[in-house]
N, C-alpha and C. Protein backbone atom coordinates (compact mmCIF):
# COMPACT_ATOMS: atom_id res chain seq x y z
N MET A 1 143.28 -42.47 221.88
CA MET A 1 144.04 -41.63 222.79
C MET A 1 143.35 -40.28 222.90
N LEU A 2 143.38 -39.73 224.09
CA LEU A 2 142.72 -38.46 224.36
C LEU A 2 143.69 -37.52 225.07
N ILE A 3 143.81 -36.30 224.56
CA ILE A 3 144.60 -35.26 225.24
C ILE A 3 143.63 -34.38 226.00
N LEU A 4 143.91 -34.18 227.28
CA LEU A 4 143.12 -33.28 228.11
C LEU A 4 143.98 -32.06 228.43
N ASN A 5 143.50 -30.91 228.04
CA ASN A 5 144.24 -29.67 228.28
C ASN A 5 143.71 -29.01 229.55
N THR A 6 144.61 -28.78 230.51
CA THR A 6 144.21 -28.12 231.75
C THR A 6 144.82 -26.73 231.88
N GLY A 7 145.68 -26.35 230.95
CA GLY A 7 146.27 -25.01 231.01
C GLY A 7 147.75 -25.06 231.31
N GLY A 8 148.16 -24.33 232.33
CA GLY A 8 149.57 -24.29 232.71
C GLY A 8 150.39 -23.38 231.81
N THR A 9 151.65 -23.27 232.13
CA THR A 9 152.58 -22.42 231.39
C THR A 9 152.61 -22.80 229.92
N PHE A 10 152.49 -24.07 229.61
CA PHE A 10 152.47 -24.58 228.24
C PHE A 10 151.60 -23.69 227.35
N ASN A 11 150.44 -23.32 227.84
CA ASN A 11 149.42 -22.60 227.07
C ASN A 11 149.46 -21.08 227.21
N LYS A 12 150.25 -20.56 228.13
CA LYS A 12 150.19 -19.12 228.43
C LYS A 12 150.52 -18.25 227.22
N ARG A 13 149.81 -17.13 227.14
CA ARG A 13 150.06 -16.11 226.12
C ARG A 13 150.01 -14.74 226.78
N TYR A 14 150.69 -13.81 226.14
CA TYR A 14 150.70 -12.44 226.65
C TYR A 14 149.36 -11.77 226.38
N GLU A 15 148.78 -11.21 227.41
CA GLU A 15 147.52 -10.47 227.30
C GLU A 15 147.85 -8.98 227.37
N PRO A 16 147.89 -8.29 226.20
CA PRO A 16 148.35 -6.90 226.17
C PRO A 16 147.48 -5.93 226.96
N LEU A 17 146.19 -6.19 227.07
CA LEU A 17 145.33 -5.28 227.83
C LEU A 17 145.59 -5.34 229.32
N LYS A 18 146.04 -6.50 229.78
CA LYS A 18 146.36 -6.65 231.21
C LYS A 18 147.85 -6.55 231.47
N GLY A 19 148.65 -6.63 230.40
CA GLY A 19 150.09 -6.52 230.55
C GLY A 19 150.75 -7.69 231.24
N LYS A 20 150.19 -8.89 231.06
CA LYS A 20 150.79 -10.06 231.70
C LYS A 20 150.46 -11.33 230.93
N MET A 21 151.20 -12.39 231.27
CA MET A 21 150.96 -13.70 230.69
C MET A 21 149.75 -14.32 231.39
N GLU A 22 148.86 -14.93 230.58
CA GLU A 22 147.67 -15.59 231.12
C GLU A 22 147.44 -16.90 230.40
N VAL A 23 146.72 -17.79 231.07
CA VAL A 23 146.29 -19.02 230.42
C VAL A 23 145.00 -18.69 229.69
N PRO A 24 145.01 -18.72 228.36
CA PRO A 24 143.79 -18.39 227.60
C PRO A 24 142.79 -19.55 227.63
N PHE A 25 141.55 -19.24 227.36
CA PHE A 25 140.49 -20.25 227.33
C PHE A 25 140.39 -20.85 225.94
N ASP A 26 141.48 -21.52 225.52
CA ASP A 26 141.49 -22.19 224.22
C ASP A 26 142.60 -23.24 224.20
N ASN A 27 142.68 -23.94 223.08
CA ASN A 27 143.65 -25.02 222.91
C ASN A 27 144.65 -24.71 221.79
N VAL A 28 144.85 -23.44 221.49
CA VAL A 28 145.62 -23.03 220.32
C VAL A 28 147.02 -23.64 220.29
N ALA A 29 147.75 -23.61 221.39
CA ALA A 29 149.12 -24.12 221.40
C ALA A 29 149.15 -25.61 221.02
N ILE A 30 148.29 -26.38 221.63
CA ILE A 30 148.26 -27.82 221.35
C ILE A 30 147.80 -28.07 219.92
N GLU A 31 146.80 -27.33 219.47
CA GLU A 31 146.30 -27.50 218.10
C GLU A 31 147.39 -27.22 217.07
N LYS A 32 148.22 -26.22 217.32
CA LYS A 32 149.32 -25.92 216.39
C LYS A 32 150.31 -27.07 216.31
N ILE A 33 150.57 -27.70 217.43
CA ILE A 33 151.49 -28.83 217.45
C ILE A 33 150.87 -30.02 216.73
N LEU A 34 149.62 -30.30 217.02
CA LEU A 34 148.95 -31.47 216.43
C LEU A 34 148.78 -31.36 214.92
N GLU A 35 148.78 -30.14 214.38
CA GLU A 35 148.69 -29.96 212.92
C GLU A 35 149.80 -30.70 212.18
N LYS A 36 150.93 -30.89 212.83
CA LYS A 36 152.09 -31.52 212.19
C LYS A 36 152.08 -33.04 212.27
N PHE A 37 151.16 -33.60 213.04
CA PHE A 37 151.14 -35.04 213.23
C PHE A 37 150.48 -35.73 212.04
N THR A 38 150.86 -36.98 211.81
CA THR A 38 150.33 -37.75 210.68
C THR A 38 149.10 -38.55 211.08
N TYR A 39 148.69 -38.45 212.33
CA TYR A 39 147.50 -39.17 212.79
C TYR A 39 146.65 -38.23 213.64
N GLU A 40 145.38 -38.56 213.74
CA GLU A 40 144.44 -37.74 214.51
C GLU A 40 144.48 -38.11 215.98
N VAL A 41 144.41 -37.11 216.82
CA VAL A 41 144.33 -37.31 218.26
C VAL A 41 143.19 -36.45 218.77
N GLU A 42 142.36 -37.03 219.60
CA GLU A 42 141.25 -36.27 220.17
C GLU A 42 141.78 -35.33 221.25
N LEU A 43 141.28 -34.11 221.25
CA LEU A 43 141.73 -33.07 222.19
C LEU A 43 140.51 -32.47 222.86
N ALA A 44 140.57 -32.36 224.18
CA ALA A 44 139.49 -31.73 224.93
C ALA A 44 140.07 -30.71 225.91
N GLY A 45 139.56 -29.51 225.86
CA GLY A 45 139.92 -28.49 226.85
C GLY A 45 139.08 -28.73 228.09
N VAL A 46 139.72 -29.02 229.20
CA VAL A 46 139.00 -29.35 230.43
C VAL A 46 138.87 -28.12 231.31
N MET A 47 139.97 -27.44 231.50
CA MET A 47 139.99 -26.19 232.28
C MET A 47 141.22 -25.44 231.83
N TYR A 48 141.27 -24.21 232.11
CA TYR A 48 142.39 -23.38 231.65
C TYR A 48 142.92 -22.62 232.85
N LYS A 49 143.83 -23.28 233.58
CA LYS A 49 144.34 -22.71 234.83
C LYS A 49 145.85 -22.85 234.92
N ASP A 50 146.44 -21.93 235.63
CA ASP A 50 147.80 -22.11 236.10
C ASP A 50 147.71 -23.22 237.15
N SER A 51 148.65 -24.13 237.18
CA SER A 51 148.53 -25.25 238.11
C SER A 51 148.58 -24.81 239.57
N LEU A 52 149.15 -23.65 239.85
CA LEU A 52 149.14 -23.16 241.23
C LEU A 52 147.73 -22.81 241.69
N ASP A 53 146.82 -22.60 240.74
CA ASP A 53 145.42 -22.30 241.05
C ASP A 53 144.56 -23.56 241.06
N MET A 54 145.13 -24.70 240.72
CA MET A 54 144.37 -25.94 240.65
C MET A 54 144.09 -26.47 242.05
N GLU A 55 142.86 -26.90 242.24
CA GLU A 55 142.43 -27.44 243.53
C GLU A 55 142.03 -28.90 243.38
N MET A 56 141.79 -29.57 244.48
CA MET A 56 141.42 -30.99 244.43
C MET A 56 140.15 -31.20 243.62
N GLU A 57 139.21 -30.29 243.67
CA GLU A 57 137.99 -30.42 242.87
C GLU A 57 138.31 -30.44 241.38
N ASP A 58 139.31 -29.67 240.96
CA ASP A 58 139.73 -29.68 239.56
C ASP A 58 140.29 -31.04 239.18
N ARG A 59 141.09 -31.62 240.06
CA ARG A 59 141.65 -32.94 239.80
C ARG A 59 140.55 -34.00 239.70
N LYS A 60 139.53 -33.86 240.53
CA LYS A 60 138.41 -34.79 240.49
C LYS A 60 137.65 -34.68 239.17
N ILE A 61 137.53 -33.47 238.64
CA ILE A 61 136.87 -33.27 237.34
C ILE A 61 137.65 -34.00 236.24
N ILE A 62 138.96 -33.83 236.25
CA ILE A 62 139.81 -34.50 235.25
C ILE A 62 139.67 -36.02 235.39
N ALA A 63 139.70 -36.51 236.63
CA ALA A 63 139.59 -37.95 236.88
C ALA A 63 138.25 -38.49 236.40
N LYS A 64 137.18 -37.74 236.59
CA LYS A 64 135.86 -38.20 236.13
C LYS A 64 135.83 -38.31 234.61
N ILE A 65 136.47 -37.39 233.93
CA ILE A 65 136.53 -37.45 232.46
C ILE A 65 137.29 -38.69 232.02
N ILE A 66 138.42 -38.95 232.66
CA ILE A 66 139.22 -40.13 232.32
C ILE A 66 138.43 -41.41 232.61
N ALA A 67 137.79 -41.47 233.76
CA ALA A 67 137.03 -42.66 234.14
C ALA A 67 135.87 -42.93 233.18
N ALA A 68 135.25 -41.89 232.67
CA ALA A 68 134.09 -42.03 231.79
C ALA A 68 134.47 -42.31 230.33
N SER A 69 135.73 -42.10 229.99
CA SER A 69 136.17 -42.24 228.61
C SER A 69 136.35 -43.70 228.20
N LYS A 70 136.09 -43.99 226.95
CA LYS A 70 136.35 -45.31 226.38
C LYS A 70 137.84 -45.50 226.10
N ASP A 71 138.59 -44.40 226.06
CA ASP A 71 140.03 -44.48 225.79
C ASP A 71 140.76 -45.13 226.96
N THR A 72 141.94 -45.67 226.66
CA THR A 72 142.78 -46.26 227.71
C THR A 72 144.08 -45.48 227.88
N HIS A 73 144.41 -44.61 226.91
CA HIS A 73 145.64 -43.84 226.93
C HIS A 73 145.31 -42.35 226.90
N PHE A 74 145.92 -41.61 227.82
CA PHE A 74 145.62 -40.19 227.98
C PHE A 74 146.90 -39.38 228.12
N ILE A 75 146.86 -38.19 227.56
CA ILE A 75 147.89 -37.18 227.82
C ILE A 75 147.18 -36.05 228.54
N VAL A 76 147.74 -35.59 229.65
CA VAL A 76 147.19 -34.46 230.38
C VAL A 76 148.22 -33.34 230.31
N VAL A 77 147.88 -32.27 229.60
CA VAL A 77 148.75 -31.09 229.55
C VAL A 77 148.45 -30.30 230.82
N HIS A 78 149.48 -30.10 231.63
CA HIS A 78 149.30 -29.64 233.01
C HIS A 78 150.44 -28.70 233.37
N GLY A 79 150.18 -27.76 234.23
CA GLY A 79 151.24 -26.90 234.75
C GLY A 79 152.25 -27.71 235.56
N THR A 80 153.50 -27.31 235.50
CA THR A 80 154.56 -28.10 236.14
C THR A 80 154.63 -27.94 237.66
N ASP A 81 154.08 -26.85 238.20
CA ASP A 81 154.22 -26.61 239.64
C ASP A 81 153.46 -27.62 240.50
N THR A 82 152.35 -28.14 240.02
CA THR A 82 151.58 -29.11 240.81
C THR A 82 151.33 -30.41 240.05
N MET A 83 152.10 -30.63 239.01
CA MET A 83 151.96 -31.85 238.20
C MET A 83 152.10 -33.10 239.07
N GLU A 84 153.04 -33.09 239.98
CA GLU A 84 153.29 -34.26 240.84
C GLU A 84 152.09 -34.56 241.73
N ILE A 85 151.40 -33.54 242.22
CA ILE A 85 150.23 -33.73 243.07
C ILE A 85 149.12 -34.42 242.27
N THR A 86 148.89 -33.93 241.06
CA THR A 86 147.86 -34.53 240.21
C THR A 86 148.23 -35.96 239.84
N ALA A 87 149.49 -36.20 239.50
CA ALA A 87 149.93 -37.54 239.15
C ALA A 87 149.72 -38.51 240.31
N LYS A 88 150.07 -38.09 241.51
CA LYS A 88 149.88 -38.94 242.70
C LYS A 88 148.40 -39.23 242.92
N PHE A 89 147.56 -38.22 242.75
CA PHE A 89 146.11 -38.40 242.88
C PHE A 89 145.60 -39.43 241.87
N PHE A 90 146.03 -39.31 240.61
CA PHE A 90 145.62 -40.27 239.59
C PHE A 90 146.09 -41.68 239.94
N ALA A 91 147.30 -41.81 240.48
CA ALA A 91 147.85 -43.12 240.81
C ALA A 91 147.02 -43.82 241.89
N GLU A 92 146.36 -43.05 242.73
CA GLU A 92 145.51 -43.63 243.77
C GLU A 92 144.18 -44.13 243.21
N ILE A 93 143.82 -43.68 242.01
CA ILE A 93 142.52 -44.00 241.42
C ILE A 93 142.62 -45.01 240.29
N PHE A 94 143.57 -44.80 239.38
CA PHE A 94 143.62 -45.55 238.13
C PHE A 94 144.71 -46.61 238.12
N VAL A 95 144.32 -47.83 237.80
CA VAL A 95 145.29 -48.92 237.63
C VAL A 95 145.15 -49.54 236.24
N ASP A 96 144.17 -49.09 235.47
CA ASP A 96 143.87 -49.69 234.18
C ASP A 96 144.00 -48.72 233.01
N ARG A 97 144.80 -47.68 233.18
CA ARG A 97 144.97 -46.66 232.14
C ARG A 97 146.45 -46.30 232.03
N VAL A 98 146.80 -45.76 230.88
CA VAL A 98 148.10 -45.11 230.70
C VAL A 98 147.80 -43.62 230.70
N ILE A 99 148.34 -42.92 231.69
CA ILE A 99 148.12 -41.47 231.80
C ILE A 99 149.49 -40.81 231.87
N ILE A 100 149.73 -39.92 230.92
CA ILE A 100 151.01 -39.22 230.87
C ILE A 100 150.75 -37.73 231.04
N LEU A 101 151.36 -37.16 232.07
CA LEU A 101 151.26 -35.72 232.29
C LEU A 101 152.47 -35.06 231.66
N THR A 102 152.22 -33.96 230.98
CA THR A 102 153.32 -33.19 230.39
C THR A 102 152.98 -31.71 230.48
N GLY A 103 153.96 -30.89 230.27
CA GLY A 103 153.78 -29.44 230.35
C GLY A 103 154.98 -28.76 229.74
N ALA A 104 155.23 -27.54 230.20
CA ALA A 104 156.39 -26.80 229.70
C ALA A 104 156.82 -25.79 230.76
N MET A 105 158.10 -25.54 230.79
CA MET A 105 158.65 -24.54 231.70
C MET A 105 158.54 -23.14 231.08
N VAL A 106 158.45 -23.10 229.75
CA VAL A 106 158.35 -21.84 229.00
C VAL A 106 157.11 -21.94 228.11
N PRO A 107 156.29 -20.89 228.03
CA PRO A 107 155.09 -20.96 227.19
C PRO A 107 155.40 -21.23 225.72
N PHE A 108 154.52 -22.00 225.08
CA PHE A 108 154.64 -22.27 223.65
C PHE A 108 154.78 -20.97 222.87
N GLU A 109 154.04 -19.95 223.25
CA GLU A 109 154.08 -18.67 222.53
C GLU A 109 155.45 -18.01 222.60
N VAL A 110 156.17 -18.20 223.69
CA VAL A 110 157.49 -17.59 223.87
C VAL A 110 158.56 -18.39 223.13
N ASP A 111 158.53 -19.71 223.30
CA ASP A 111 159.49 -20.60 222.65
C ASP A 111 158.80 -21.94 222.43
N PRO A 112 158.39 -22.24 221.21
CA PRO A 112 157.60 -23.45 220.98
C PRO A 112 158.38 -24.76 221.06
N ILE A 113 159.68 -24.71 221.16
CA ILE A 113 160.47 -25.94 221.09
C ILE A 113 160.20 -26.87 222.27
N GLU A 114 160.30 -26.39 223.48
CA GLU A 114 160.13 -27.29 224.64
C GLU A 114 158.72 -27.87 224.69
N ALA A 115 157.71 -27.04 224.54
CA ALA A 115 156.33 -27.52 224.59
C ALA A 115 156.09 -28.57 223.51
N THR A 116 156.56 -28.30 222.31
CA THR A 116 156.40 -29.24 221.20
C THR A 116 157.12 -30.55 221.49
N ALA A 117 158.35 -30.45 221.97
CA ALA A 117 159.12 -31.66 222.28
C ALA A 117 158.44 -32.48 223.37
N ASN A 118 157.96 -31.83 224.43
CA ASN A 118 157.34 -32.55 225.53
C ASN A 118 156.04 -33.23 225.10
N LEU A 119 155.20 -32.52 224.38
CA LEU A 119 153.94 -33.11 223.93
C LEU A 119 154.21 -34.24 222.93
N SER A 120 155.13 -34.03 222.01
CA SER A 120 155.45 -35.07 221.02
C SER A 120 155.99 -36.32 221.70
N MET A 121 156.87 -36.12 222.68
CA MET A 121 157.43 -37.25 223.41
C MET A 121 156.33 -37.99 224.15
N ALA A 122 155.43 -37.26 224.79
CA ALA A 122 154.33 -37.88 225.53
C ALA A 122 153.43 -38.68 224.59
N LEU A 123 153.12 -38.11 223.43
CA LEU A 123 152.26 -38.81 222.47
C LEU A 123 152.92 -40.08 221.94
N GLY A 124 154.18 -39.99 221.57
CA GLY A 124 154.89 -41.16 221.06
C GLY A 124 154.98 -42.26 222.11
N TYR A 125 155.28 -41.87 223.33
CA TYR A 125 155.39 -42.84 224.42
C TYR A 125 154.03 -43.48 224.69
N ALA A 126 152.99 -42.66 224.74
CA ALA A 126 151.65 -43.19 225.01
C ALA A 126 151.22 -44.17 223.93
N LYS A 127 151.55 -43.83 222.70
CA LYS A 127 151.16 -44.69 221.57
C LYS A 127 151.82 -46.07 221.67
N ALA A 128 153.03 -46.12 222.19
CA ALA A 128 153.78 -47.37 222.27
C ALA A 128 153.63 -48.08 223.61
N GLN A 129 153.16 -47.39 224.62
CA GLN A 129 153.14 -47.93 225.99
C GLN A 129 152.02 -48.95 226.19
N LYS A 130 152.39 -50.10 226.70
CA LYS A 130 151.43 -51.17 227.00
C LYS A 130 151.18 -51.29 228.50
N GLU A 131 152.15 -50.90 229.32
CA GLU A 131 152.04 -51.05 230.77
C GLU A 131 151.27 -49.88 231.37
N GLN A 132 150.16 -50.20 232.01
CA GLN A 132 149.37 -49.14 232.63
C GLN A 132 150.17 -48.45 233.72
N GLY A 133 149.84 -47.19 233.94
CA GLY A 133 150.50 -46.43 234.98
C GLY A 133 150.39 -44.96 234.72
N ILE A 134 150.91 -44.21 235.66
CA ILE A 134 150.90 -42.76 235.59
C ILE A 134 152.35 -42.32 235.35
N TYR A 135 152.56 -41.52 234.31
CA TYR A 135 153.89 -41.12 233.89
C TYR A 135 153.99 -39.60 233.78
N ILE A 136 155.22 -39.12 233.83
CA ILE A 136 155.51 -37.71 233.55
C ILE A 136 156.48 -37.68 232.38
N ALA A 137 156.16 -36.83 231.40
CA ALA A 137 157.02 -36.65 230.23
C ALA A 137 157.49 -35.20 230.22
N MET A 138 158.75 -34.98 230.52
CA MET A 138 159.31 -33.64 230.57
C MET A 138 160.78 -33.65 230.22
N GLN A 139 161.19 -32.70 229.43
CA GLN A 139 162.58 -32.39 229.16
C GLN A 139 163.41 -33.62 228.75
N GLY A 140 162.87 -34.42 227.85
CA GLY A 140 163.62 -35.55 227.31
C GLY A 140 163.48 -36.86 228.07
N SER A 141 162.65 -36.89 229.11
CA SER A 141 162.47 -38.11 229.89
C SER A 141 160.99 -38.42 230.05
N VAL A 142 160.68 -39.72 230.05
CA VAL A 142 159.36 -40.20 230.41
C VAL A 142 159.58 -41.27 231.47
N GLU A 143 159.02 -41.03 232.64
CA GLU A 143 159.21 -41.97 233.76
C GLU A 143 157.92 -42.08 234.55
N LYS A 144 157.81 -43.14 235.35
CA LYS A 144 156.70 -43.24 236.29
C LYS A 144 156.70 -41.95 237.13
N TYR A 145 155.51 -41.53 237.50
CA TYR A 145 155.33 -40.23 238.15
C TYR A 145 156.19 -40.04 239.40
N ASP A 146 156.52 -41.11 240.11
CA ASP A 146 157.28 -40.97 241.35
C ASP A 146 158.79 -41.08 241.14
N LYS A 147 159.20 -41.11 239.87
CA LYS A 147 160.63 -41.21 239.55
C LYS A 147 161.19 -39.94 238.91
N LEU A 148 160.31 -38.97 238.59
CA LEU A 148 160.73 -37.75 237.91
C LEU A 148 160.03 -36.57 238.59
N GLN A 149 160.82 -35.62 239.09
CA GLN A 149 160.25 -34.48 239.82
C GLN A 149 160.87 -33.18 239.36
N LYS A 150 160.11 -32.12 239.57
CA LYS A 150 160.61 -30.79 239.26
C LYS A 150 161.51 -30.31 240.39
N ASN A 151 162.72 -29.92 240.03
CA ASN A 151 163.64 -29.29 240.98
C ASN A 151 163.45 -27.79 240.81
N ARG A 152 162.78 -27.18 241.75
CA ARG A 152 162.43 -25.76 241.65
C ARG A 152 163.65 -24.84 241.75
N LYS A 153 164.73 -25.32 242.35
CA LYS A 153 165.93 -24.50 242.49
C LYS A 153 166.64 -24.30 241.16
N ILE A 154 166.62 -25.33 240.32
CA ILE A 154 167.33 -25.23 239.04
C ILE A 154 166.37 -25.15 237.84
N GLY A 155 165.07 -25.32 238.09
CA GLY A 155 164.09 -25.20 237.03
C GLY A 155 164.13 -26.32 236.01
N LYS A 156 164.44 -27.54 236.47
CA LYS A 156 164.49 -28.69 235.58
C LYS A 156 163.89 -29.90 236.29
N PHE A 157 163.41 -30.84 235.48
CA PHE A 157 162.93 -32.10 236.03
C PHE A 157 164.14 -33.03 236.14
N GLU A 158 164.15 -33.81 237.23
CA GLU A 158 165.26 -34.73 237.45
C GLU A 158 164.77 -36.02 238.09
N PHE A 159 165.57 -37.06 237.97
CA PHE A 159 165.22 -38.36 238.54
C PHE A 159 165.37 -38.33 240.05
N VAL A 160 164.47 -39.04 240.72
CA VAL A 160 164.52 -39.13 242.18
C VAL A 160 164.70 -40.57 242.61
């Protein structure tokens, strides 16, 4: 299994010199969570962006990494604002992989509970999942990508 970190709110930290939250160029949040696991998981930082800044070329880079990997199960830590776009793009390309996108509505640095729960849920589901497909793991649910969406009005993921 391979975790690909693309950034998003999950990873954001306060940058005191700029006075704002930024996606840092590291995997610290994910590494802190993985320290508690009883098994090793490979982690690769792919890009460090807010998902609103993600473009189709970025999605193609992630897809090339997945296509070239010997792994069959992937977790993509991704910003929630465009997670659905990336999931749909992956669904058009991959039929022989388990790919689970997860993220957080609140940065790990601010409140580690949601990010930890979402990543843990994604990892557990990926480890047990036999049916290939593209999934979203957020806020206590793991569903096929077209069955779970972010409701921007209430700030929660819900079934569609």
